[in-house]
Amino acid sequence: MREFEQLTSIASANEFIQRHKLSFLFIFGTDCSVCHALQPQVQRLMMKYPEIALGAINAQEVKEVAGRFSIFTIPVLLLHVEGKEYIREARIVHLDLFDEKIRKIYDFVTG
């Protein structure tokens, strides 16, 4: 299973997004049961998309993440293409629909 790169600051998150053409951020919390249940499901889903870089950032440890990404709840799933946000899902995520959205963008970007 693919692992998430652990991001520990807003600077590292910004750099991660800029460094990769396709980047995915999983924003979670330490005490969030939904986050802990969703993360392995997202990891399995992302096996289909090897060119998407995976990053995770803990919103409880990096409090500035809320302001930087306009986060009001967790978990939040963000897909960026060339530094621009294309997909945002929060809290309860329907993985089938999320997969369809990613597939369309992924197929377009990767050709």
PDB file of N, CA and C in Angstrom:
ATOM      1  N   MET A   1       0.848  -1.184   0.000  1.00  0.00           N
ATOM      2  CA  MET A   1       0.000   0.000   0.000  1.00  0.00           C
ATOM      3  C   MET A   1       0.889   1.240   0.000  1.00  0.00           C
ATOM      4  N   ARG A   2       0.477   2.249  -0.712  1.00  0.00           N
ATOM      5  CA  ARG A   2       1.240   3.496  -0.776  1.00  0.00           C
ATOM      6  C   ARG A   2       1.123   4.244   0.543  1.00  0.00           C
ATOM      7  N   GLU A   3       2.205   4.871   0.942  1.00  0.00           N
ATOM      8  CA  GLU A   3       2.230   5.616   2.199  1.00  0.00           C
ATOM      9  C   GLU A   3       2.112   7.116   1.927  1.00  0.00           C
ATOM     10  N   PHE A   4       1.557   7.821   2.900  1.00  0.00           N
ATOM     11  CA  PHE A   4       1.472   9.272   2.843  1.00  0.00           C
ATOM     12  C   PHE A   4       2.778   9.879   3.338  1.00  0.00           C
ATOM     13  N   GLU A   5       3.244  10.911   2.645  1.00  0.00           N
ATOM     14  CA  GLU A   5       4.367  11.701   3.151  1.00  0.00           C
ATOM     15  C   GLU A   5       3.810  12.571   4.271  1.00  0.00           C
ATOM     16  N   GLN A   6       4.410  12.502   5.453  1.00  0.00           N
ATOM     17  CA  GLN A   6       3.928  13.274   6.590  1.00  0.00           C
ATOM     18  C   GLN A   6       4.435  14.714   6.495  1.00  0.00           C
ATOM     19  N   LEU A   7       3.523  15.648   6.465  1.00  0.00           N
ATOM     20  CA  LEU A   7       3.852  17.071   6.362  1.00  0.00           C
ATOM     21  C   LEU A   7       3.632  17.698   7.731  1.00  0.00           C
ATOM     22  N   THR A   8       4.599  18.469   8.180  1.00  0.00           N
ATOM     23  CA  THR A   8       4.563  18.953   9.565  1.00  0.00           C
ATOM     24  C   THR A   8       4.467  20.475   9.686  1.00  0.00           C
ATOM     25  N   SER A   9       4.272  21.157   8.567  1.00  0.00           N
ATOM     26  CA  SER A   9       4.130  22.618   8.610  1.00  0.00           C
ATOM     27  C   SER A   9       3.409  23.084   7.348  1.00  0.00           C
ATOM     28  N   ILE A  10       2.942  24.324   7.396  1.00  0.00           N
ATOM     29  CA  ILE A  10       2.315  24.903   6.205  1.00  0.00           C
ATOM     30  C   ILE A  10       3.347  25.026   5.088  1.00  0.00           C
ATOM     31  N   ALA A  11       4.567  25.392   5.439  1.00  0.00           N
ATOM     32  CA  ALA A  11       5.631  25.510   4.433  1.00  0.00           C
ATOM     33  C   ALA A  11       5.868  24.178   3.732  1.00  0.00           C
ATOM     34  N   SER A  12       5.905  23.076   4.493  1.00  0.00           N
ATOM     35  CA  SER A  12       6.129  21.764   3.873  1.00  0.00           C
ATOM     36  C   SER A  12       4.932  21.358   3.018  1.00  0.00           C
ATOM     37  N   ALA A  13       3.721  21.731   3.429  1.00  0.00           N
ATOM     38  CA  ALA A  13       2.526  21.429   2.632  1.00  0.00           C
ATOM     39  C   ALA A  13       2.543  22.220   1.326  1.00  0.00           C
ATOM     40  N   ASN A  14       2.868  23.498   1.400  1.00  0.00           N
ATOM     41  CA  ASN A  14       2.944  24.329   0.193  1.00  0.00           C
ATOM     42  C   ASN A  14       4.013  23.805  -0.763  1.00  0.00           C
ATOM     43  N   GLU A  15       5.159  23.439  -0.221  1.00  0.00           N
ATOM     44  CA  GLU A  15       6.262  22.923  -1.032  1.00  0.00           C
ATOM     45  C   GLU A  15       5.869  21.604  -1.690  1.00  0.00           C
ATOM     46  N   PHE A  16       5.175  20.750  -0.951  1.00  0.00           N
ATOM     47  CA  PHE A  16       4.700  19.464  -1.463  1.00  0.00           C
ATOM     48  C   PHE A  16       3.771  19.670  -2.662  1.00  0.00           C
ATOM     49  N   ILE A  17       2.840  20.596  -2.529  1.00  0.00           N
ATOM     50  CA  ILE A  17       1.883  20.887  -3.607  1.00  0.00           C
ATOM     51  C   ILE A  17       2.608  21.415  -4.843  1.00  0.00           C
ATOM     52  N   GLN A  18       3.585  22.292  -4.642  1.00  0.00           N
ATOM     53  CA  GLN A  18       4.312  22.878  -5.768  1.00  0.00           C
ATOM     54  C   GLN A  18       5.267  21.881  -6.427  1.00  0.00           C
ATOM     55  N   ARG A  19       5.789  20.950  -5.655  1.00  0.00           N
ATOM     56  CA  ARG A  19       6.798  19.995  -6.138  1.00  0.00           C
ATOM     57  C   ARG A  19       6.198  18.935  -7.062  1.00  0.00           C
ATOM     58  N   HIS A  20       4.907  18.653  -6.916  1.00  0.00           N
ATOM     59  CA  HIS A  20       4.285  17.570  -7.679  1.00  0.00           C
ATOM     60  C   HIS A  20       3.206  18.100  -8.616  1.00  0.00           C
ATOM     61  N   LYS A  21       3.205  17.564  -9.835  1.00  0.00           N
ATOM     62  CA  LYS A  21       2.169  17.951 -10.800  1.00  0.00           C
ATOM     63  C   LYS A  21       0.787  17.566 -10.271  1.00  0.00           C
ATOM     64  N   LEU A  22       0.674  16.353  -9.731  1.00  0.00           N
ATOM     65  CA  LEU A  22      -0.557  15.870  -9.113  1.00  0.00           C
ATOM     66  C   LEU A  22      -0.266  15.597  -7.638  1.00  0.00           C
ATOM     67  N   SER A  23      -0.924  16.319  -6.754  1.00  0.00           N
ATOM     68  CA  SER A  23      -0.692  16.109  -5.323  1.00  0.00           C
ATOM     69  C   SER A  23      -2.018  15.974  -4.593  1.00  0.00           C
ATOM     70  N   PHE A  24      -2.019  15.080  -3.624  1.00  0.00           N
ATOM     71  CA  PHE A  24      -3.207  14.802  -2.830  1.00  0.00           C
ATOM     72  C   PHE A  24      -2.864  15.030  -1.362  1.00  0.00           C
ATOM     73  N   LEU A  25      -3.673  15.828  -0.687  1.00  0.00           N
ATOM     74  CA  LEU A  25      -3.486  16.068   0.743  1.00  0.00           C
ATOM     75  C   LEU A  25      -4.639  15.449   1.523  1.00  0.00           C
ATOM     76  N   PHE A  26      -4.268  14.706   2.548  1.00  0.00           N
ATOM     77  CA  PHE A  26      -5.234  14.143   3.494  1.00  0.00           C
ATOM     78  C   PHE A  26      -5.037  14.918   4.784  1.00  0.00           C
ATOM     79  N   ILE A  27      -6.002  15.749   5.135  1.00  0.00           N
ATOM     80  CA  ILE A  27      -5.923  16.566   6.345  1.00  0.00           C
ATOM     81  C   ILE A  27      -6.768  15.875   7.406  1.00  0.00           C
ATOM     82  N   PHE A  28      -6.118  15.550   8.532  1.00  0.00           N
ATOM     83  CA  PHE A  28      -6.759  14.714   9.541  1.00  0.00           C
ATOM     84  C   PHE A  28      -6.503  15.270  10.934  1.00  0.00           C
ATOM     85  N   GLY A  29      -7.076  14.594  11.913  1.00  0.00           N
ATOM     86  CA  GLY A  29      -6.853  14.928  13.314  1.00  0.00           C
ATOM     87  C   GLY A  29      -6.505  13.685  14.102  1.00  0.00           C
ATOM     88  N   THR A  30      -5.729  13.865  15.147  1.00  0.00           N
ATOM     89  CA  THR A  30      -5.278  12.754  15.975  1.00  0.00           C
ATOM     90  C   THR A  30      -6.453  12.010  16.602  1.00  0.00           C
ATOM     91  N   ASP A  31      -7.436  12.739  17.096  1.00  0.00           N
ATOM     92  CA  ASP A  31      -8.562  12.145  17.816  1.00  0.00           C
ATOM     93  C   ASP A  31      -9.803  11.949  16.945  1.00  0.00           C
ATOM     94  N   CYS A  32      -9.633  11.897  15.651  1.00  0.00           N
ATOM     95  CA  CYS A  32     -10.763  11.832  14.711  1.00  0.00           C
ATOM     96  C   CYS A  32     -10.973  10.389  14.246  1.00  0.00           C
ATOM     97  N   SER A  33     -12.043   9.772  14.722  1.00  0.00           N
ATOM     98  CA  SER A  33     -12.305   8.380  14.353  1.00  0.00           C
ATOM     99  C   SER A  33     -12.645   8.233  12.867  1.00  0.00           C
ATOM    100  N   VAL A  34     -13.327   9.220  12.302  1.00  0.00           N
ATOM    101  CA  VAL A  34     -13.639   9.190  10.867  1.00  0.00           C
ATOM    102  C   VAL A  34     -12.339   9.222  10.062  1.00  0.00           C
ATOM    103  N   CYS A  35     -11.399  10.053  10.497  1.00  0.00           N
ATOM    104  CA  CYS A  35     -10.096  10.156   9.819  1.00  0.00           C
ATOM    105  C   CYS A  35      -9.374   8.816   9.822  1.00  0.00           C
ATOM    106  N   HIS A  36      -9.329   8.178  10.977  1.00  0.00           N
ATOM    107  CA  HIS A  36      -8.618   6.911  11.115  1.00  0.00           C
ATOM    108  C   HIS A  36      -9.280   5.794  10.307  1.00  0.00           C
ATOM    109  N   ALA A  37     -10.589   5.839  10.165  1.00  0.00           N
ATOM    110  CA  ALA A  37     -11.296   4.835   9.364  1.00  0.00           C
ATOM    111  C   ALA A  37     -11.119   5.090   7.866  1.00  0.00           C
ATOM    112  N   LEU A  38     -11.069   6.360   7.481  1.00  0.00           N
ATOM    113  CA  LEU A  38     -11.008   6.725   6.073  1.00  0.00           C
ATOM    114  C   LEU A  38      -9.609   6.577   5.470  1.00  0.00           C
ATOM    115  N   GLN A  39      -8.589   6.836   6.252  1.00  0.00           N
ATOM    116  CA  GLN A  39      -7.229   6.860   5.705  1.00  0.00           C
ATOM    117  C   GLN A  39      -6.826   5.568   4.985  1.00  0.00           C
ATOM    118  N   PRO A  40      -7.010   4.381   5.569  1.00  0.00           N
ATOM    119  CA  PRO A  40      -6.620   3.176   4.827  1.00  0.00           C
ATOM    120  C   PRO A  40      -7.450   2.950   3.564  1.00  0.00           C
ATOM    121  N   GLN A  41      -8.707   3.375   3.575  1.00  0.00           N
ATOM    122  CA  GLN A  41      -9.544   3.244   2.384  1.00  0.00           C
ATOM    123  C   GLN A  41      -9.023   4.141   1.257  1.00  0.00           C
ATOM    124  N   VAL A  42      -8.610   5.347   1.635  1.00  0.00           N
ATOM    125  CA  VAL A  42      -8.048   6.278   0.656  1.00  0.00           C
ATOM    126  C   VAL A  42      -6.711   5.740   0.133  1.00  0.00           C
ATOM    127  N   GLN A  43      -5.904   5.173   1.015  1.00  0.00           N
ATOM    128  CA  GLN A  43      -4.629   4.600   0.581  1.00  0.00           C
ATOM    129  C   GLN A  43      -4.860   3.495  -0.460  1.00  0.00           C
ATOM    130  N   ARG A  44      -5.832   2.635  -0.217  1.00  0.00           N
ATOM    131  CA  ARG A  44      -6.142   1.578  -1.181  1.00  0.00           C
ATOM    132  C   ARG A  44      -6.619   2.169  -2.510  1.00  0.00           C
ATOM    133  N   LEU A  45      -7.489   3.164  -2.437  1.00  0.00           N
ATOM    134  CA  LEU A  45      -7.998   3.811  -3.638  1.00  0.00           C
ATOM    135  C   LEU A  45      -6.859   4.425  -4.454  1.00  0.00           C
ATOM    136  N   MET A  46      -5.916   5.040  -3.787  1.00  0.00           N
ATOM    137  CA  MET A  46      -4.829   5.734  -4.475  1.00  0.00           C
ATOM    138  C   MET A  46      -3.831   4.790  -5.147  1.00  0.00           C
ATOM    139  N   MET A  47      -3.940   3.491  -4.881  1.00  0.00           N
ATOM    140  CA  MET A  47      -3.107   2.516  -5.585  1.00  0.00           C
ATOM    141  C   MET A  47      -3.379   2.575  -7.093  1.00  0.00           C
ATOM    142  N   LYS A  48      -4.578   2.994  -7.480  1.00  0.00           N
ATOM    143  CA  LYS A  48      -4.953   3.104  -8.889  1.00  0.00           C
ATOM    144  C   LYS A  48      -4.269   4.280  -9.585  1.00  0.00           C
ATOM    145  N   TYR A  49      -3.748   5.209  -8.789  1.00  0.00           N
ATOM    146  CA  TYR A  49      -3.245   6.468  -9.330  1.00  0.00           C
ATOM    147  C   TYR A  49      -1.797   6.707  -8.900  1.00  0.00           C
ATOM    148  N   PRO A  50      -0.862   5.959  -9.493  1.00  0.00           N
ATOM    149  CA  PRO A  50       0.528   6.024  -9.027  1.00  0.00           C
ATOM    150  C   PRO A  50       1.216   7.369  -9.245  1.00  0.00           C
ATOM    151  N   GLU A  51       0.709   8.194 -10.147  1.00  0.00           N
ATOM    152  CA  GLU A  51       1.360   9.480 -10.412  1.00  0.00           C
ATOM    153  C   GLU A  51       0.884  10.591  -9.474  1.00  0.00           C
ATOM    154  N   ILE A  52      -0.044  10.293  -8.588  1.00  0.00           N
ATOM    155  CA  ILE A  52      -0.494  11.283  -7.605  1.00  0.00           C
ATOM    156  C   ILE A  52       0.354  11.122  -6.346  1.00  0.00           C
ATOM    157  N   ALA A  53       1.035  12.194  -5.963  1.00  0.00           N
ATOM    158  CA  ALA A  53       1.827  12.197  -4.731  1.00  0.00           C
ATOM    159  C   ALA A  53       0.881  12.321  -3.546  1.00  0.00           C
ATOM    160  N   LEU A  54       1.141  11.546  -2.491  1.00  0.00           N
ATOM    161  CA  LEU A  54       0.261  11.520  -1.320  1.00  0.00           C
ATOM    162  C   LEU A  54       0.921  12.215  -0.137  1.00  0.00           C
ATOM    163  N   GLY A  55       0.210  13.165   0.443  1.00  0.00           N
ATOM    164  CA  GLY A  55       0.694  13.858   1.630  1.00  0.00           C
ATOM    165  C   GLY A  55      -0.395  13.894   2.682  1.00  0.00           C
ATOM    166  N   ALA A  56       0.025  13.891   3.948  1.00  0.00           N
ATOM    167  CA  ALA A  56      -0.927  13.966   5.062  1.00  0.00           C
ATOM    168  C   ALA A  56      -0.442  15.009   6.045  1.00  0.00           C
ATOM    169  N   ILE A  57      -1.378  15.759   6.600  1.00  0.00           N
ATOM    170  CA  ILE A  57      -1.035  16.782   7.587  1.00  0.00           C
ATOM    171  C   ILE A  57      -2.068  16.760   8.711  1.00  0.00           C
ATOM    172  N   ASN A  58      -1.574  16.808   9.928  1.00  0.00           N
ATOM    173  CA  ASN A  58      -2.425  16.752  11.111  1.00  0.00           C
ATOM    174  C   ASN A  58      -2.885  18.168  11.470  1.00  0.00           C
ATOM    175  N   ALA A  59      -4.174  18.420  11.330  1.00  0.00           N
ATOM    176  CA  ALA A  59      -4.727  19.753  11.579  1.00  0.00           C
ATOM    177  C   ALA A  59      -4.680  20.136  13.052  1.00  0.00           C
ATOM    178  N   GLN A  60      -4.593  19.148  13.940  1.00  0.00           N
ATOM    179  CA  GLN A  60      -4.505  19.457  15.368  1.00  0.00           C
ATOM    180  C   GLN A  60      -3.092  19.869  15.762  1.00  0.00           C
ATOM    181  N   GLU A  61      -2.102  19.374  15.032  1.00  0.00           N
ATOM    182  CA  GLU A  61      -0.713  19.734  15.321  1.00  0.00           C
ATOM    183  C   GLU A  61      -0.269  20.969  14.542  1.00  0.00           C
ATOM    184  N   VAL A  62      -0.772  21.137  13.332  1.00  0.00           N
ATOM    185  CA  VAL A  62      -0.435  22.287  12.493  1.00  0.00           C
ATOM    186  C   VAL A  62      -1.703  23.129  12.361  1.00  0.00           C
ATOM    187  N   LYS A  63      -1.938  23.963  13.352  1.00  0.00           N
ATOM    188  CA  LYS A  63      -3.196  24.706  13.436  1.00  0.00           C
ATOM    189  C   LYS A  63      -3.410  25.667  12.261  1.00  0.00           C
ATOM    190  N   GLU A  64      -2.331  26.138  11.652  1.00  0.00           N
ATOM    191  CA  GLU A  64      -2.439  27.080  10.531  1.00  0.00           C
ATOM    192  C   GLU A  64      -3.074  26.453   9.293  1.00  0.00           C
ATOM    193  N   VAL A  65      -3.167  25.137   9.278  1.00  0.00           N
ATOM    194  CA  VAL A  65      -3.744  24.445   8.129  1.00  0.00           C
ATOM    195  C   VAL A  65      -5.195  24.881   7.897  1.00  0.00           C
ATOM    196  N   ALA A  66      -5.902  25.191   8.962  1.00  0.00           N
ATOM    197  CA  ALA A  66      -7.307  25.608   8.844  1.00  0.00           C
ATOM    198  C   ALA A  66      -7.423  26.890   8.023  1.00  0.00           C
ATOM    199  N   GLY A  67      -6.580  27.853   8.310  1.00  0.00           N
ATOM    200  CA  GLY A  67      -6.616  29.112   7.572  1.00  0.00           C
ATOM    201  C   GLY A  67      -6.092  28.977   6.159  1.00  0.00           C
ATOM    202  N   ARG A  68      -5.006  28.239   5.991  1.00  0.00           N
ATOM    203  CA  ARG A  68      -4.373  28.103   4.671  1.00  0.00           C
ATOM    204  C   ARG A  68      -5.297  27.422   3.666  1.00  0.00           C
ATOM    205  N   PHE A  69      -6.009  26.383   4.107  1.00  0.00           N
ATOM    206  CA  PHE A  69      -6.848  25.614   3.196  1.00  0.00           C
ATOM    207  C   PHE A  69      -8.348  25.812   3.442  1.00  0.00           C
ATOM    208  N   SER A  70      -8.727  26.792   4.257  1.00  0.00           N
ATOM    209  CA  SER A  70     -10.134  27.066   4.582  1.00  0.00           C
ATOM    210  C   SER A  70     -10.840  25.799   5.056  1.00  0.00           C
ATOM    211  N   ILE A  71     -10.286  25.206   6.109  1.00  0.00           N
ATOM    212  CA  ILE A  71     -10.787  23.955   6.666  1.00  0.00           C
ATOM    213  C   ILE A  71     -11.676  24.264   7.874  1.00  0.00           C
ATOM    214  N   PHE A  72     -12.878  23.695   7.881  1.00  0.00           N
ATOM    215  CA  PHE A  72     -13.791  23.881   8.996  1.00  0.00           C
ATOM    216  C   PHE A  72     -14.126  22.581   9.705  1.00  0.00           C
ATOM    217  N   THR A  73     -13.731  21.465   9.115  1.00  0.00           N
ATOM    218  CA  THR A  73     -13.971  20.149   9.694  1.00  0.00           C
ATOM    219  C   THR A  73     -12.865  19.221   9.201  1.00  0.00           C
ATOM    220  N   ILE A  74     -12.775  18.053   9.798  1.00  0.00           N
ATOM    221  CA  ILE A  74     -11.830  17.044   9.314  1.00  0.00           C
ATOM    222  C   ILE A  74     -12.559  15.710   9.246  1.00  0.00           C
ATOM    223  N   PRO A  75     -12.144  14.802   8.411  1.00  0.00           N
ATOM    224  CA  PRO A  75     -11.028  14.916   7.473  1.00  0.00           C
ATOM    225  C   PRO A  75     -11.395  15.730   6.238  1.00  0.00           C
ATOM    226  N   VAL A  76     -10.357  16.212   5.560  1.00  0.00           N
ATOM    227  CA  VAL A  76     -10.516  16.908   4.285  1.00  0.00           C
ATOM    228  C   VAL A  76      -9.559  16.267   3.297  1.00  0.00           C
ATOM    229  N   LEU A  77     -10.059  16.012   2.093  1.00  0.00           N
ATOM    230  CA  LEU A  77      -9.263  15.418   1.026  1.00  0.00           C
ATOM    231  C   LEU A  77      -9.166  16.443  -0.087  1.00  0.00           C
ATOM    232  N   LEU A  78      -7.934  16.801  -0.456  1.00  0.00           N
ATOM    233  CA  LEU A  78      -7.712  17.812  -1.485  1.00  0.00           C
ATOM    234  C   LEU A  78      -6.835  17.253  -2.592  1.00  0.00           C
ATOM    235  N   LEU A  79      -7.260  17.417  -3.828  1.00  0.00           N
ATOM    236  CA  LEU A  79      -6.429  17.063  -4.971  1.00  0.00           C
ATOM    237  C   LEU A  79      -6.034  18.338  -5.687  1.00  0.00           C
ATOM    238  N   HIS A  80      -4.722  18.512  -5.870  1.00  0.00           N
ATOM    239  CA  HIS A  80      -4.187  19.668  -6.583  1.00  0.00           C
ATOM    240  C   HIS A  80      -3.557  19.214  -7.889  1.00  0.00           C
ATOM    241  N   VAL A  81      -3.766  20.005  -8.923  1.00  0.00           N
ATOM    242  CA  VAL A  81      -3.123  19.780 -10.213  1.00  0.00           C
ATOM    243  C   VAL A  81      -2.327  21.036 -10.525  1.00  0.00           C
ATOM    244  N   GLU A  82      -1.015  20.853 -10.654  1.00  0.00           N
ATOM    245  CA  GLU A  82      -0.103  21.971 -10.920  1.00  0.00           C
ATOM    246  C   GLU A  82      -0.347  23.124  -9.954  1.00  0.00           C
ATOM    247  N   GLY A  83      -0.529  22.780  -8.678  1.00  0.00           N
ATOM    248  CA  GLY A  83      -0.661  23.782  -7.626  1.00  0.00           C
ATOM    249  C   GLY A  83      -2.060  24.335  -7.416  1.00  0.00           C
ATOM    250  N   LYS A  84      -3.013  23.951  -8.242  1.00  0.00           N
ATOM    251  CA  LYS A  84      -4.381  24.465  -8.114  1.00  0.00           C
ATOM    252  C   LYS A  84      -5.299  23.370  -7.589  1.00  0.00           C
ATOM    253  N   GLU A  85      -6.168  23.753  -6.667  1.00  0.00           N
ATOM    254  CA  GLU A  85      -7.113  22.794  -6.103  1.00  0.00           C
ATOM    255  C   GLU A  85      -8.193  22.448  -7.116  1.00  0.00           C
ATOM    256  N   TYR A  86      -8.389  21.134  -7.331  1.00  0.00           N
ATOM    257  CA  TYR A  86      -9.401  20.665  -8.261  1.00  0.00           C
ATOM    258  C   TYR A  86     -10.506  19.881  -7.575  1.00  0.00           C
ATOM    259  N   ILE A  87     -10.178  19.173  -6.508  1.00  0.00           N
ATOM    260  CA  ILE A  87     -11.184  18.382  -5.794  1.00  0.00           C
ATOM    261  C   ILE A  87     -11.047  18.649  -4.310  1.00  0.00           C
ATOM    262  N   ARG A  88     -12.196  18.806  -3.650  1.00  0.00           N
ATOM    263  CA  ARG A  88     -12.250  18.969  -2.192  1.00  0.00           C
ATOM    264  C   ARG A  88     -13.415  18.135  -1.680  1.00  0.00           C
ATOM    265  N   GLU A  89     -13.112  17.244  -0.761  1.00  0.00           N
ATOM    266  CA  GLU A  89     -14.135  16.447  -0.086  1.00  0.00           C
ATOM    267  C   GLU A  89     -13.880  16.581   1.413  1.00  0.00           C
ATOM    268  N   ALA A  90     -14.941  16.613   2.186  1.00  0.00           N
ATOM    269  CA  ALA A  90     -14.781  16.776   3.629  1.00  0.00           C
ATOM    270  C   ALA A  90     -15.745  15.881   4.397  1.00  0.00           C
ATOM    271  N   ARG A  91     -15.292  15.514   5.582  1.00  0.00           N
ATOM    272  CA  ARG A  91     -16.023  14.739   6.587  1.00  0.00           C
ATOM    273  C   ARG A  91     -16.478  13.371   6.085  1.00  0.00           C
ATOM    274  N   ILE A  92     -17.674  13.271   5.538  1.00  0.00           N
ATOM    275  CA  ILE A  92     -18.182  11.993   5.036  1.00  0.00           C
ATOM    276  C   ILE A  92     -17.922  11.957   3.530  1.00  0.00           C
ATOM    277  N   VAL A  93     -17.078  11.023   3.108  1.00  0.00           N
ATOM    278  CA  VAL A  93     -16.657  10.954   1.711  1.00  0.00           C
ATOM    279  C   VAL A  93     -17.220   9.683   1.081  1.00  0.00           C
ATOM    280  N   HIS A  94     -17.911   9.841  -0.022  1.00  0.00           N
ATOM    281  CA  HIS A  94     -18.405   8.701  -0.790  1.00  0.00           C
ATOM    282  C   HIS A  94     -17.283   8.307  -1.747  1.00  0.00           C
ATOM    283  N   LEU A  95     -16.600   7.221  -1.425  1.00  0.00           N
ATOM    284  CA  LEU A  95     -15.396   6.858  -2.154  1.00  0.00           C
ATOM    285  C   LEU A  95     -15.644   6.538  -3.621  1.00  0.00           C
ATOM    286  N   ASP A  96     -16.793   5.989  -3.969  1.00  0.00           N
ATOM    287  CA  ASP A  96     -17.083   5.706  -5.375  1.00  0.00           C
ATOM    288  C   ASP A  96     -17.146   7.001  -6.189  1.00  0.00           C
ATOM    289  N   LEU A  97     -17.845   7.996  -5.661  1.00  0.00           N
ATOM    290  CA  LEU A  97     -17.945   9.277  -6.354  1.00  0.00           C
ATOM    291  C   LEU A  97     -16.595   9.985  -6.381  1.00  0.00           C
ATOM    292  N   PHE A  98     -15.869   9.899  -5.285  1.00  0.00           N
ATOM    293  CA  PHE A  98     -14.536  10.496  -5.199  1.00  0.00           C
ATOM    294  C   PHE A  98     -13.613   9.859  -6.236  1.00  0.00           C
ATOM    295  N   ASP A  99     -13.691   8.551  -6.372  1.00  0.00           N
ATOM    296  CA  ASP A  99     -12.889   7.815  -7.351  1.00  0.00           C
ATOM    297  C   ASP A  99     -13.211   8.282  -8.774  1.00  0.00           C
ATOM    298  N   GLU A 100     -14.482   8.466  -9.089  1.00  0.00           N
ATOM    299  CA  GLU A 100     -14.881   8.933 -10.421  1.00  0.00           C
ATOM    300  C   GLU A 100     -14.292  10.308 -10.724  1.00  0.00           C
ATOM    301  N   LYS A 101     -14.360  11.208  -9.748  1.00  0.00           N
ATOM    302  CA  LYS A 101     -13.811  12.555  -9.936  1.00  0.00           C
ATOM    303  C   LYS A 101     -12.309  12.497 -10.190  1.00  0.00           C
ATOM    304  N   ILE A 102     -11.611  11.704  -9.387  1.00  0.00           N
ATOM    305  CA  ILE A 102     -10.166  11.590  -9.546  1.00  0.00           C
ATOM    306  C   ILE A 102      -9.830  10.985 -10.904  1.00  0.00           C
ATOM    307  N   ARG A 103     -10.527   9.928 -11.281  1.00  0.00           N
ATOM    308  CA  ARG A 103     -10.247   9.241 -12.547  1.00  0.00           C
ATOM    309  C   ARG A 103     -10.342  10.198 -13.734  1.00  0.00           C
ATOM    310  N   LYS A 104     -11.370  11.039 -13.769  1.00  0.00           N
ATOM    311  CA  LYS A 104     -11.537  11.986 -14.879  1.00  0.00           C
ATOM    312  C   LYS A 104     -10.352  12.937 -14.974  1.00  0.00           C
ATOM    313  N   ILE A 105      -9.962  13.496 -13.849  1.00  0.00           N
ATOM    314  CA  ILE A 105      -8.840  14.444 -13.837  1.00  0.00           C
ATOM    315  C   ILE A 105      -7.543  13.719 -14.145  1.00  0.00           C
ATOM    316  N   TYR A 106      -7.347  12.564 -13.527  1.00  0.00           N
ATOM    317  CA  TYR A 106      -6.114  11.791 -13.712  1.00  0.00           C
ATOM    318  C   TYR A 106      -5.931  11.393 -15.169  1.00  0.00           C
ATOM    319  N   ASP A 107      -6.983  10.891 -15.787  1.00  0.00           N
ATOM    320  CA  ASP A 107      -6.904  10.487 -17.187  1.00  0.00           C
ATOM    321  C   ASP A 107      -6.622  11.674 -18.104  1.00  0.00           C
ATOM    322  N   PHE A 108      -7.209  12.817 -17.795  1.00  0.00           N
ATOM    323  CA  PHE A 108      -6.980  14.024 -18.602  1.00  0.00           C
ATOM    324  C   PHE A 108      -5.536  14.515 -18.461  1.00  0.00           C
ATOM    325  N   VAL A 109      -5.049  14.560 -17.232  1.00  0.00           N
ATOM    326  CA  VAL A 109      -3.710  15.091 -16.961  1.00  0.00           C
ATOM    327  C   VAL A 109      -2.608  14.154 -17.438  1.00  0.00           C
ATOM    328  N   THR A 110      -2.796  12.858 -17.228  1.00  0.00           N
ATOM    329  CA  THR A 110      -1.741  11.908 -17.567  1.00  0.00           C
ATOM    330  C   THR A 110      -1.844  11.414 -19.008  1.00  0.00           C
ATOM    331  N   GLY A 111      -2.963  11.703 -19.663  1.00  0.00           N
ATOM    332  CA  GLY A 111      -3.130  11.365 -21.065  1.00  0.00           C
ATOM    333  C   GLY A 111      -3.335   9.919 -21.277  1.00  0.00           C
TER     334      GLY A 111
END
